[in-house]
Amino acid sequence: MFSTWLSHFMQQDSSVLVFMNVFLQQLGLPLPSVPTMILAASRASDWQSIALMLVAATLASLLADCLWYQAGRRFGYRVLSLLCKLSINPSSCVNQTEARFSKWGVWSLIFGKFIPGFSTVAPPVAGALGMRRSSFFIASAIGAALWSGFALLAGYALQRHIAIALELMSQHGIHLALLGLALIALVIAWKLVMKYRFERIASMHHVDAQEMRLALAGPRPPHIIDLRSASLIEQTGSIAHAHRTDYDAISASLNDVDKDYPIITICACPQDAGAVQVAHSLQKLGYRNAHPLLGGFDTWKIMAADDASLLRIPPHPDAILNQT
């Protein structure tokens, strides 16, 4: 009964279903759209239907991306704070996305759709970093077409196999549904464990602005690790006396630093996620006085308002990702 209704719905309203599913998923809702596109394509009778679904999926993805891009352009990294609070695992929400985007540029938008968790966060990062609208629109459209095209072609090519799977569902629907729910529960449980692990790590001591001022004026000014991307530093300014380091090269940058020397990690990510992770890793390596700065770069900017020498503002703080 269910398989008959599903088959009829896929044949009559496939483009509408694909559009709504892709749009909501690209907005950030936990609604997997690739299985929907594959299943819808498996019920298509001709290439015209596939083309309509391709247009629907591309437009839906592009519309959601443009909304997030505009939000990032207007509100900057504050919109990423909202995204990462909604994320089950905020520890990898912004820092990895920003690093990939800064390294790959427009290519991250073209192929980012194939990376789970990246496609929703990349558009606001592009807006926050000032990527040109025309470049963003073209790259996002190409990426959406490639991503949805692969899913739709897979569904169309595997029509016979999917039909067999649907028949098995009609015969053993309850057991398969229970199995599917069990798998979903395992995935959610694993992500909740990761979230709990991050929150436990994030409960470590954070250095606040007052402590930071006292430390900078003291006899042992801390070794400051700036975890922001090079592009973001170029746009917003560099922290005085800080050491710019990539996430995968932290320990190599501390060869001349004693294990008991104070270290402060700073990032521009929500919940200080990147700074917390790095400080925790350094503590495990024996750097007992490694701590994140509470509020990250936002706190440093407040401090720099009282002492301009703390932040070197670039002479032309224009957008730095205006490649065509």
C-alpha atoms as a PDB file:
ATOM      1  CA  MET A   1       0.000   0.000   0.000  1.00  0.00           C
ATOM      2  CA  PHE A   2       2.697   2.482   1.018  1.00  0.00           C
ATOM      3  CA  SER A   3       4.931   1.579  -1.923  1.00  0.00           C
ATOM      4  CA  THR A   4       1.989   2.097  -4.335  1.00  0.00           C
ATOM      5  CA  TRP A   5       1.232   5.554  -2.905  1.00  0.00           C
ATOM      6  CA  LEU A   6       4.915   6.467  -2.921  1.00  0.00           C
ATOM      7  CA  SER A   7       5.320   5.365  -6.523  1.00  0.00           C
ATOM      8  CA  HIS A   8       2.250   7.366  -7.605  1.00  0.00           C
ATOM      9  CA  PHE A   9       3.447  10.470  -5.752  1.00  0.00           C
ATOM     10  CA  MET A  10       6.934  10.224  -7.250  1.00  0.00           C
ATOM     11  CA  GLN A  11       5.508  10.033 -10.748  1.00  0.00           C
ATOM     12  CA  GLN A  12       2.976  12.877 -10.375  1.00  0.00           C
ATOM     13  CA  ASP A  13       4.771  15.428  -8.165  1.00  0.00           C
ATOM     14  CA  SER A  14       8.443  14.478  -8.362  1.00  0.00           C
ATOM     15  CA  SER A  15       9.753  17.946  -9.286  1.00  0.00           C
ATOM     16  CA  VAL A  16       7.815  19.657  -6.482  1.00  0.00           C
ATOM     17  CA  LEU A  17       8.981  17.071  -3.964  1.00  0.00           C
ATOM     18  CA  VAL A  18      12.615  17.383  -5.085  1.00  0.00           C
ATOM     19  CA  PHE A  19      12.458  21.189  -4.954  1.00  0.00           C
ATOM     20  CA  MET A  20      11.033  21.327  -1.426  1.00  0.00           C
ATOM     21  CA  ASN A  21      13.312  18.603  -0.066  1.00  0.00           C
ATOM     22  CA  VAL A  22      16.490  20.144  -1.497  1.00  0.00           C
ATOM     23  CA  PHE A  23      15.513  23.668  -0.424  1.00  0.00           C
ATOM     24  CA  LEU A  24      14.804  22.661   3.182  1.00  0.00           C
ATOM     25  CA  GLN A  25      17.920  20.511   3.382  1.00  0.00           C
ATOM     26  CA  GLN A  26      20.141  23.302   2.049  1.00  0.00           C
ATOM     27  CA  LEU A  27      18.609  25.675   4.588  1.00  0.00           C
ATOM     28  CA  GLY A  28      20.015  23.392   7.276  1.00  0.00           C
ATOM     29  CA  LEU A  29      17.137  21.084   8.188  1.00  0.00           C
ATOM     30  CA  PRO A  30      18.170  17.440   8.782  1.00  0.00           C
ATOM     31  CA  LEU A  31      16.265  16.173   5.728  1.00  0.00           C
ATOM     32  CA  PRO A  32      18.467  14.046   3.443  1.00  0.00           C
ATOM     33  CA  SER A  33      17.718  15.052  -0.134  1.00  0.00           C
ATOM     34  CA  VAL A  34      19.980  12.697  -2.096  1.00  0.00           C
ATOM     35  CA  PRO A  35      17.830   9.594  -1.353  1.00  0.00           C
ATOM     36  CA  THR A  36      14.752  11.581  -2.416  1.00  0.00           C
ATOM     37  CA  MET A  37      16.351  12.568  -5.728  1.00  0.00           C
ATOM     38  CA  ILE A  38      17.525   9.013  -6.396  1.00  0.00           C
ATOM     39  CA  LEU A  39      14.093   7.587  -5.630  1.00  0.00           C
ATOM     40  CA  ALA A  40      12.293  10.239  -7.686  1.00  0.00           C
ATOM     41  CA  ALA A  41      14.579   9.648 -10.657  1.00  0.00           C
ATOM     42  CA  SER A  42      14.005   5.916 -10.436  1.00  0.00           C
ATOM     43  CA  ARG A  43      10.308   6.512 -11.151  1.00  0.00           C
ATOM     44  CA  ALA A  44      10.939   8.826 -14.123  1.00  0.00           C
ATOM     45  CA  SER A  45       9.696   7.590 -17.478  1.00  0.00           C
ATOM     46  CA  ASP A  46      11.833   9.778 -19.753  1.00  0.00           C
ATOM     47  CA  TRP A  47      14.723  12.235 -19.849  1.00  0.00           C
ATOM     48  CA  GLN A  48      12.366  15.205 -19.832  1.00  0.00           C
ATOM     49  CA  SER A  49      11.274  14.295 -16.306  1.00  0.00           C
ATOM     50  CA  ILE A  50      14.917  14.028 -15.232  1.00  0.00           C
ATOM     51  CA  ALA A  51      15.619  17.449 -16.731  1.00  0.00           C
ATOM     52  CA  LEU A  52      12.691  19.009 -14.834  1.00  0.00           C
ATOM     53  CA  MET A  53      13.904  17.502 -11.574  1.00  0.00           C
ATOM     54  CA  LEU A  54      17.437  18.724 -12.299  1.00  0.00           C
ATOM     55  CA  VAL A  55      16.158  22.279 -12.812  1.00  0.00           C
ATOM     56  CA  ALA A  56      14.040  22.044  -9.639  1.00  0.00           C
ATOM     57  CA  ALA A  57      16.933  20.765  -7.515  1.00  0.00           C
ATOM     58  CA  THR A  58      19.401  23.315  -8.887  1.00  0.00           C
ATOM     59  CA  LEU A  59      17.034  26.237  -8.351  1.00  0.00           C
ATOM     60  CA  ALA A  60      16.168  25.072  -4.813  1.00  0.00           C
ATOM     61  CA  SER A  61      19.813  24.716  -3.855  1.00  0.00           C
ATOM     62  CA  LEU A  62      20.746  28.035  -5.442  1.00  0.00           C
ATOM     63  CA  LEU A  63      17.890  29.853  -3.679  1.00  0.00           C
ATOM     64  CA  ALA A  64      18.929  28.505  -0.270  1.00  0.00           C
ATOM     65  CA  ASP A  65      22.600  29.278  -0.962  1.00  0.00           C
ATOM     66  CA  CYS A  66      21.780  32.872  -1.941  1.00  0.00           C
ATOM     67  CA  LEU A  67      19.801  33.364   1.268  1.00  0.00           C
ATOM     68  CA  TRP A  68      22.720  32.112   3.371  1.00  0.00           C
ATOM     69  CA  TYR A  69      25.214  34.122   1.307  1.00  0.00           C
ATOM     70  CA  GLN A  70      23.264  37.331   1.898  1.00  0.00           C
ATOM     71  CA  ALA A  71      22.969  36.547   5.603  1.00  0.00           C
ATOM     72  CA  GLY A  72      26.731  36.024   5.820  1.00  0.00           C
ATOM     73  CA  ARG A  73      27.395  39.220   3.892  1.00  0.00           C
ATOM     74  CA  ARG A  74      25.136  41.273   6.156  1.00  0.00           C
ATOM     75  CA  PHE A  75      25.755  39.691   9.558  1.00  0.00           C
ATOM     76  CA  GLY A  76      29.219  38.194   9.051  1.00  0.00           C
ATOM     77  CA  TYR A  77      30.308  35.463  11.417  1.00  0.00           C
ATOM     78  CA  ARG A  78      27.320  36.019  13.675  1.00  0.00           C
ATOM     79  CA  VAL A  79      25.160  33.967  11.329  1.00  0.00           C
ATOM     80  CA  LEU A  80      27.683  31.136  11.634  1.00  0.00           C
ATOM     81  CA  SER A  81      27.166  31.217  15.376  1.00  0.00           C
ATOM     82  CA  LEU A  82      23.502  30.421  14.783  1.00  0.00           C
ATOM     83  CA  LEU A  83      24.346  27.621  12.359  1.00  0.00           C
ATOM     84  CA  CYS A  84      26.793  26.007  14.746  1.00  0.00           C
ATOM     85  CA  LYS A  85      24.434  26.249  17.692  1.00  0.00           C
ATOM     86  CA  LEU A  86      21.962  24.265  15.597  1.00  0.00           C
ATOM     87  CA  SER A  87      24.692  21.804  14.688  1.00  0.00           C
ATOM     88  CA  ILE A  88      24.981  18.606  16.710  1.00  0.00           C
ATOM     89  CA  ASN A  89      28.770  18.841  16.508  1.00  0.00           C
ATOM     90  CA  PRO A  90      29.805  22.520  16.602  1.00  0.00           C
ATOM     91  CA  SER A  91      33.493  21.730  17.136  1.00  0.00           C
ATOM     92  CA  SER A  92      34.022  21.174  13.417  1.00  0.00           C
ATOM     93  CA  CYS A  93      31.404  23.569  12.112  1.00  0.00           C
ATOM     94  CA  VAL A  94      33.333  26.699  11.153  1.00  0.00           C
ATOM     95  CA  ASN A  95      37.053  26.098  11.439  1.00  0.00           C
ATOM     96  CA  GLN A  96      37.170  23.293   8.857  1.00  0.00           C
ATOM     97  CA  THR A  97      34.759  25.109   6.550  1.00  0.00           C
ATOM     98  CA  GLU A  98      36.721  28.350   6.655  1.00  0.00           C
ATOM     99  CA  ALA A  99      40.009  26.534   6.064  1.00  0.00           C
ATOM    100  CA  ARG A 100      38.600  24.646   3.072  1.00  0.00           C
ATOM    101  CA  PHE A 101      36.975  27.745   1.636  1.00  0.00           C
ATOM    102  CA  SER A 102      40.102  29.863   2.018  1.00  0.00           C
ATOM    103  CA  LYS A 103      42.208  27.125   0.409  1.00  0.00           C
ATOM    104  CA  TRP A 104      39.909  26.178  -2.473  1.00  0.00           C
ATOM    105  CA  GLY A 105      38.041  29.458  -3.147  1.00  0.00           C
ATOM    106  CA  VAL A 106      35.246  29.076  -5.707  1.00  0.00           C
ATOM    107  CA  TRP A 107      36.081  25.374  -6.127  1.00  0.00           C
ATOM    108  CA  SER A 108      34.827  24.784  -2.591  1.00  0.00           C
ATOM    109  CA  LEU A 109      31.379  25.895  -3.749  1.00  0.00           C
ATOM    110  CA  ILE A 110      31.480  23.754  -6.877  1.00  0.00           C
ATOM    111  CA  PHE A 111      32.458  20.525  -5.114  1.00  0.00           C
ATOM    112  CA  GLY A 112      31.369  21.391  -1.566  1.00  0.00           C
ATOM    113  CA  LYS A 113      27.916  19.920  -2.120  1.00  0.00           C
ATOM    114  CA  PHE A 114      29.495  16.488  -2.010  1.00  0.00           C
ATOM    115  CA  ILE A 115      30.972  17.088   1.472  1.00  0.00           C
ATOM    116  CA  PRO A 116      28.468  16.406   4.302  1.00  0.00           C
ATOM    117  CA  GLY A 117      27.992  19.402   6.572  1.00  0.00           C
ATOM    118  CA  PHE A 118      29.947  21.739   4.287  1.00  0.00           C
ATOM    119  CA  SER A 119      27.327  22.836   1.768  1.00  0.00           C
ATOM    120  CA  THR A 120      25.158  24.745   4.261  1.00  0.00           C
ATOM    121  CA  VAL A 121      28.030  26.550   6.013  1.00  0.00           C
ATOM    122  CA  ALA A 122      30.050  27.490   2.901  1.00  0.00           C
ATOM    123  CA  PRO A 123      27.605  30.113   1.493  1.00  0.00           C
ATOM    124  CA  PRO A 124      27.562  32.314   4.636  1.00  0.00           C
ATOM    125  CA  VAL A 125      31.357  31.980   4.861  1.00  0.00           C
ATOM    126  CA  ALA A 126      31.553  33.218   1.258  1.00  0.00           C
ATOM    127  CA  GLY A 127      29.352  36.159   2.168  1.00  0.00           C
ATOM    128  CA  ALA A 128      31.276  36.942   5.352  1.00  0.00           C
ATOM    129  CA  LEU A 129      34.588  36.927   3.472  1.00  0.00           C
ATOM    130  CA  GLY A 130      33.185  39.242   0.797  1.00  0.00           C
ATOM    131  CA  MET A 131      33.199  36.943  -2.213  1.00  0.00           C
ATOM    132  CA  ARG A 132      31.873  38.693  -5.335  1.00  0.00           C
ATOM    133  CA  ARG A 133      28.188  37.958  -5.948  1.00  0.00           C
ATOM    134  CA  SER A 134      28.662  36.966  -9.577  1.00  0.00           C
ATOM    135  CA  SER A 135      31.425  34.511  -8.722  1.00  0.00           C
ATOM    136  CA  PHE A 136      29.365  33.039  -5.905  1.00  0.00           C
ATOM    137  CA  PHE A 137      26.241  32.687  -8.062  1.00  0.00           C
ATOM    138  CA  ILE A 138      28.055  30.948 -10.925  1.00  0.00           C
ATOM    139  CA  ALA A 139      30.041  28.581  -8.687  1.00  0.00           C
ATOM    140  CA  SER A 140      27.026  27.731  -6.550  1.00  0.00           C
ATOM    141  CA  ALA A 141      24.860  27.029  -9.611  1.00  0.00           C
ATOM    142  CA  ILE A 142      27.495  24.750 -11.165  1.00  0.00           C
ATOM    143  CA  GLY A 143      27.971  22.916  -7.870  1.00  0.00           C
ATOM    144  CA  ALA A 144      24.239  22.428  -7.371  1.00  0.00           C
ATOM    145  CA  ALA A 145      23.781  21.132 -10.930  1.00  0.00           C
ATOM    146  CA  LEU A 146      26.661  18.657 -10.597  1.00  0.00           C
ATOM    147  CA  TRP A 147      25.549  17.415  -7.181  1.00  0.00           C
ATOM    148  CA  SER A 148      21.882  16.952  -8.089  1.00  0.00           C
ATOM    149  CA  GLY A 149      22.765  15.648 -11.546  1.00  0.00           C
ATOM    150  CA  PHE A 150      24.842  12.797 -10.147  1.00  0.00           C
ATOM    151  CA  ALA A 151      22.048  11.791  -7.761  1.00  0.00           C
ATOM    152  CA  LEU A 152      19.360  11.919 -10.447  1.00  0.00           C
ATOM    153  CA  LEU A 153      21.460  10.007 -12.984  1.00  0.00           C
ATOM    154  CA  ALA A 154      22.190   7.343 -10.374  1.00  0.00           C
ATOM    155  CA  GLY A 155      18.490   6.923  -9.665  1.00  0.00           C
ATOM    156  CA  TYR A 156      17.605   6.737 -13.364  1.00  0.00           C
ATOM    157  CA  ALA A 157      20.365   4.213 -14.082  1.00  0.00           C
ATOM    158  CA  LEU A 158      19.367   1.999 -11.138  1.00  0.00           C
ATOM    159  CA  GLN A 159      15.646   1.939 -11.847  1.00  0.00           C
ATOM    160  CA  ARG A 160      15.354  -1.853 -11.935  1.00  0.00           C
ATOM    161  CA  HIS A 161      17.312  -2.345  -8.712  1.00  0.00           C
ATOM    162  CA  ILE A 162      15.336   0.339  -6.871  1.00  0.00           C
ATOM    163  CA  ALA A 163      12.086  -1.208  -8.047  1.00  0.00           C
ATOM    164  CA  ILE A 164      13.192  -4.522  -6.511  1.00  0.00           C
ATOM    165  CA  ALA A 165      14.096  -2.702  -3.283  1.00  0.00           C
ATOM    166  CA  LEU A 166      10.650  -1.059  -3.166  1.00  0.00           C
ATOM    167  CA  GLU A 167       9.022  -4.444  -3.679  1.00  0.00           C
ATOM    168  CA  LEU A 168      11.005  -5.827  -0.765  1.00  0.00           C
ATOM    169  CA  MET A 169       9.841  -2.855   1.287  1.00  0.00           C
ATOM    170  CA  SER A 170       6.227  -3.676   0.521  1.00  0.00           C
ATOM    171  CA  GLN A 171       6.792  -7.279   1.656  1.00  0.00           C
ATOM    172  CA  HIS A 172       9.012  -6.602   4.663  1.00  0.00           C
ATOM    173  CA  GLY A 173       8.209  -2.959   5.330  1.00  0.00           C
ATOM    174  CA  ILE A 174       7.972  -3.168   9.113  1.00  0.00           C
ATOM    175  CA  HIS A 175      11.276  -4.979   9.543  1.00  0.00           C
ATOM    176  CA  LEU A 176      13.098  -2.679   7.130  1.00  0.00           C
ATOM    177  CA  ALA A 177      11.573   0.382   8.796  1.00  0.00           C
ATOM    178  CA  LEU A 178      12.756  -0.841  12.185  1.00  0.00           C
ATOM    179  CA  LEU A 179      16.213  -1.467  10.765  1.00  0.00           C
ATOM    180  CA  GLY A 180      16.283   2.002   9.233  1.00  0.00           C
ATOM    181  CA  LEU A 181      15.171   3.607  12.494  1.00  0.00           C
ATOM    182  CA  ALA A 182      17.853   1.690  14.362  1.00  0.00           C
ATOM    183  CA  LEU A 183      20.546   2.942  11.980  1.00  0.00           C
ATOM    184  CA  ILE A 184      19.278   6.520  12.269  1.00  0.00           C
ATOM    185  CA  ALA A 185      19.263   6.211  16.055  1.00  0.00           C
ATOM    186  CA  LEU A 186      22.865   4.986  16.016  1.00  0.00           C
ATOM    187  CA  VAL A 187      23.986   7.924  13.875  1.00  0.00           C
ATOM    188  CA  ILE A 188      22.184  10.434  16.094  1.00  0.00           C
ATOM    189  CA  ALA A 189      23.580   8.780  19.227  1.00  0.00           C
ATOM    190  CA  TRP A 190      27.107   8.969  17.852  1.00  0.00           C
ATOM    191  CA  LYS A 191      26.706  12.659  17.014  1.00  0.00           C
ATOM    192  CA  LEU A 192      25.251  13.368  20.449  1.00  0.00           C
ATOM    193  CA  VAL A 193      28.231  11.646  22.031  1.00  0.00           C
ATOM    194  CA  MET A 194      30.518  13.879  19.947  1.00  0.00           C
ATOM    195  CA  LYS A 195      28.530  16.937  21.047  1.00  0.00           C
ATOM    196  CA  TYR A 196      28.745  15.882  24.695  1.00  0.00           C
ATOM    197  CA  ARG A 197      32.478  15.290  24.326  1.00  0.00           C
ATOM    198  CA  PHE A 198      32.972  18.770  22.884  1.00  0.00           C
ATOM    199  CA  GLU A 199      30.875  20.407  25.617  1.00  0.00           C
ATOM    200  CA  ARG A 200      32.926  18.605  28.253  1.00  0.00           C
ATOM    201  CA  ILE A 201      36.155  19.830  26.650  1.00  0.00           C
ATOM    202  CA  ALA A 202      34.689  23.344  26.295  1.00  0.00           C
ATOM    203  CA  SER A 203      34.199  23.522  30.073  1.00  0.00           C
ATOM    204  CA  MET A 204      37.967  24.087  30.446  1.00  0.00           C
ATOM    205  CA  HIS A 205      39.195  27.398  31.821  1.00  0.00           C
ATOM    206  CA  HIS A 206      38.952  30.283  29.348  1.00  0.00           C
ATOM    207  CA  VAL A 207      41.101  33.379  29.687  1.00  0.00           C
ATOM    208  CA  ASP A 208      38.886  36.476  29.768  1.00  0.00           C
ATOM    209  CA  ALA A 209      39.782  39.979  28.593  1.00  0.00           C
ATOM    210  CA  GLN A 210      40.969  41.173  32.004  1.00  0.00           C
ATOM    211  CA  GLU A 211      43.242  38.163  32.473  1.00  0.00           C
ATOM    212  CA  MET A 212      44.585  38.674  28.986  1.00  0.00           C
ATOM    213  CA  ARG A 213      45.457  42.313  29.632  1.00  0.00           C
ATOM    214  CA  LEU A 214      47.285  41.402  32.837  1.00  0.00           C
ATOM    215  CA  ALA A 215      49.157  38.591  31.099  1.00  0.00           C
ATOM    216  CA  LEU A 216      50.274  40.857  28.246  1.00  0.00           C
ATOM    217  CA  ALA A 217      51.591  43.403  30.763  1.00  0.00           C
ATOM    218  CA  GLY A 218      53.301  40.763  32.889  1.00  0.00           C
ATOM    219  CA  PRO A 219      56.871  39.454  32.811  1.00  0.00           C
ATOM    220  CA  ARG A 220      55.882  36.399  30.729  1.00  0.00           C
ATOM    221  CA  PRO A 221      53.560  37.596  27.954  1.00  0.00           C
ATOM    222  CA  PRO A 222      51.733  34.558  26.538  1.00  0.00           C
ATOM    223  CA  HIS A 223      52.538  32.821  23.288  1.00  0.00           C
ATOM    224  CA  ILE A 224      49.471  33.712  21.202  1.00  0.00           C
ATOM    225  CA  ILE A 225      48.264  31.312  18.532  1.00  0.00           C
ATOM    226  CA  ASP A 226      45.971  32.911  15.946  1.00  0.00           C
ATOM    227  CA  LEU A 227      43.878  30.185  14.317  1.00  0.00           C
ATOM    228  CA  ARG A 228      42.030  32.413  11.864  1.00  0.00           C
ATOM    229  CA  SER A 229      42.567  31.807   8.176  1.00  0.00           C
ATOM    230  CA  ALA A 230      45.081  33.935   6.304  1.00  0.00           C
ATOM    231  CA  SER A 231      42.264  35.448   4.243  1.00  0.00           C
ATOM    232  CA  LEU A 232      40.309  36.494   7.321  1.00  0.00           C
ATOM    233  CA  ILE A 233      43.426  38.013   8.901  1.00  0.00           C
ATOM    234  CA  GLU A 234      44.097  39.930   5.697  1.00  0.00           C
ATOM    235  CA  GLN A 235      40.566  41.283   5.780  1.00  0.00           C
ATOM    236  CA  THR A 236      40.089  42.071   9.473  1.00  0.00           C
ATOM    237  CA  GLY A 237      43.618  42.719  10.723  1.00  0.00           C
ATOM    238  CA  SER A 238      46.422  40.809  12.431  1.00  0.00           C
ATOM    239  CA  ILE A 239      46.860  40.318  16.160  1.00  0.00           C
ATOM    240  CA  ALA A 240      50.039  41.927  17.450  1.00  0.00           C
ATOM    241  CA  HIS A 241      52.775  39.413  18.355  1.00  0.00           C
ATOM    242  CA  ALA A 242      50.533  36.467  17.468  1.00  0.00           C
ATOM    243  CA  HIS A 243      51.673  33.372  15.572  1.00  0.00           C
ATOM    244  CA  ARG A 244      49.384  32.426  12.669  1.00  0.00           C
ATOM    245  CA  THR A 245      49.151  28.649  12.589  1.00  0.00           C
ATOM    246  CA  ASP A 246      47.074  26.099  10.687  1.00  0.00           C
ATOM    247  CA  TYR A 247      45.101  23.540  12.673  1.00  0.00           C
ATOM    248  CA  ASP A 248      47.190  20.668  11.357  1.00  0.00           C
ATOM    249  CA  ALA A 249      50.541  22.296  12.194  1.00  0.00           C
ATOM    250  CA  ILE A 250      50.072  23.364  15.813  1.00  0.00           C
ATOM    251  CA  SER A 251      52.661  21.179  17.522  1.00  0.00           C
ATOM    252  CA  ALA A 252      55.315  21.916  14.890  1.00  0.00           C
ATOM    253  CA  SER A 253      54.982  25.644  15.612  1.00  0.00           C
ATOM    254  CA  LEU A 254      55.825  25.192  19.308  1.00  0.00           C
ATOM    255  CA  ASN A 255      59.283  23.641  19.076  1.00  0.00           C
ATOM    256  CA  ASP A 256      60.876  26.587  20.929  1.00  0.00           C
ATOM    257  CA  VAL A 257      58.127  27.006  23.520  1.00  0.00           C
ATOM    258  CA  ASP A 258      58.574  25.494  26.995  1.00  0.00           C
ATOM    259  CA  LYS A 259      55.892  23.126  28.205  1.00  0.00           C
ATOM    260  CA  ASP A 260      55.029  25.368  31.170  1.00  0.00           C
ATOM    261  CA  TYR A 261      54.919  28.626  29.179  1.00  0.00           C
ATOM    262  CA  PRO A 262      51.476  30.330  28.952  1.00  0.00           C
ATOM    263  CA  ILE A 263      49.768  29.810  25.580  1.00  0.00           C
ATOM    264  CA  ILE A 264      46.574  31.503  24.416  1.00  0.00           C
ATOM    265  CA  THR A 265      44.609  30.175  21.440  1.00  0.00           C
ATOM    266  CA  ILE A 266      42.319  32.529  19.495  1.00  0.00           C
ATOM    267  CA  CYS A 267      39.826  31.799  16.719  1.00  0.00           C
ATOM    268  CA  ALA A 268      36.887  33.562  15.077  1.00  0.00           C
ATOM    269  CA  CYS A 269      34.518  30.640  15.455  1.00  0.00           C
ATOM    270  CA  PRO A 270      31.299  30.265  17.471  1.00  0.00           C
ATOM    271  CA  GLN A 271      31.684  28.873  20.980  1.00  0.00           C
ATOM    272  CA  ASP A 272      35.468  29.312  20.553  1.00  0.00           C
ATOM    273  CA  ALA A 273      35.275  25.803  19.072  1.00  0.00           C
ATOM    274  CA  GLY A 274      38.605  25.802  17.221  1.00  0.00           C
ATOM    275  CA  ALA A 275      40.505  27.483  20.062  1.00  0.00           C
ATOM    276  CA  VAL A 276      39.046  25.016  22.566  1.00  0.00           C
ATOM    277  CA  GLN A 277      40.031  22.010  20.481  1.00  0.00           C
ATOM    278  CA  VAL A 278      43.587  23.253  19.973  1.00  0.00           C
ATOM    279  CA  ALA A 279      44.054  24.188  23.633  1.00  0.00           C
ATOM    280  CA  HIS A 280      42.794  20.755  24.653  1.00  0.00           C
ATOM    281  CA  SER A 281      45.181  19.057  22.220  1.00  0.00           C
ATOM    282  CA  LEU A 282      48.105  21.115  23.517  1.00  0.00           C
ATOM    283  CA  GLN A 283      47.276  20.234  27.104  1.00  0.00           C
ATOM    284  CA  LYS A 284      47.337  16.562  26.149  1.00  0.00           C
ATOM    285  CA  LEU A 285      50.804  17.151  24.652  1.00  0.00           C
ATOM    286  CA  GLY A 286      52.029  18.541  27.966  1.00  0.00           C
ATOM    287  CA  TYR A 287      51.475  22.288  27.491  1.00  0.00           C
ATOM    288  CA  ARG A 288      49.659  22.691  30.789  1.00  0.00           C
ATOM    289  CA  ASN A 289      49.095  26.445  30.484  1.00  0.00           C
ATOM    290  CA  ALA A 290      47.375  26.381  27.093  1.00  0.00           C
ATOM    291  CA  HIS A 291      43.924  28.034  27.242  1.00  0.00           C
ATOM    292  CA  PRO A 292      41.459  29.586  24.769  1.00  0.00           C
ATOM    293  CA  LEU A 293      40.570  33.275  24.867  1.00  0.00           C
ATOM    294  CA  LEU A 294      36.965  33.701  25.923  1.00  0.00           C
ATOM    295  CA  GLY A 295      35.089  35.271  23.013  1.00  0.00           C
ATOM    296  CA  GLY A 296      37.983  34.772  20.598  1.00  0.00           C
ATOM    297  CA  PHE A 297      38.723  37.489  18.069  1.00  0.00           C
ATOM    298  CA  ASP A 298      35.648  39.503  19.095  1.00  0.00           C
ATOM    299  CA  THR A 299      37.163  39.887  22.563  1.00  0.00           C
ATOM    300  CA  TRP A 300      40.485  40.890  21.056  1.00  0.00           C
ATOM    301  CA  LYS A 301      38.802  43.614  18.989  1.00  0.00           C
ATOM    302  CA  ILE A 302      37.218  45.008  22.165  1.00  0.00           C
ATOM    303  CA  MET A 303      40.636  45.055  23.800  1.00  0.00           C
ATOM    304  CA  ALA A 304      42.104  46.752  20.729  1.00  0.00           C
ATOM    305  CA  ALA A 305      39.526  49.528  21.056  1.00  0.00           C
ATOM    306  CA  ASP A 306      41.366  50.569  24.238  1.00  0.00           C
ATOM    307  CA  ASP A 307      44.844  49.817  22.925  1.00  0.00           C
ATOM    308  CA  ALA A 308      45.231  50.249  19.153  1.00  0.00           C
ATOM    309  CA  SER A 309      48.650  48.569  19.179  1.00  0.00           C
ATOM    310  CA  LEU A 310      46.988  45.195  19.768  1.00  0.00           C
ATOM    311  CA  LEU A 311      45.508  44.998  16.258  1.00  0.00           C
ATOM    312  CA  ARG A 312      47.128  45.880  12.954  1.00  0.00           C
ATOM    313  CA  ILE A 313      44.327  46.872  10.587  1.00  0.00           C
ATOM    314  CA  PRO A 314      45.144  46.385   6.881  1.00  0.00           C
ATOM    315  CA  PRO A 315      45.308  49.601   4.830  1.00  0.00           C
ATOM    316  CA  HIS A 316      42.633  48.357   2.427  1.00  0.00           C
ATOM    317  CA  PRO A 317      40.266  46.026   4.307  1.00  0.00           C
ATOM    318  CA  ASP A 318      38.247  45.205   1.211  1.00  0.00           C
ATOM    319  CA  ALA A 319      36.967  41.800   0.285  1.00  0.00           C
ATOM    320  CA  ILE A 320      39.808  39.457  -0.566  1.00  0.00           C
ATOM    321  CA  LEU A 321      37.958  36.723  -2.396  1.00  0.00           C
ATOM    322  CA  ASN A 322      36.840  38.683  -5.442  1.00  0.00           C
ATOM    323  CA  GLN A 323      38.261  36.246  -7.924  1.00  0.00           C
ATOM    324  CA  THR A 324      36.218  35.638 -11.023  1.00  0.00           C
END
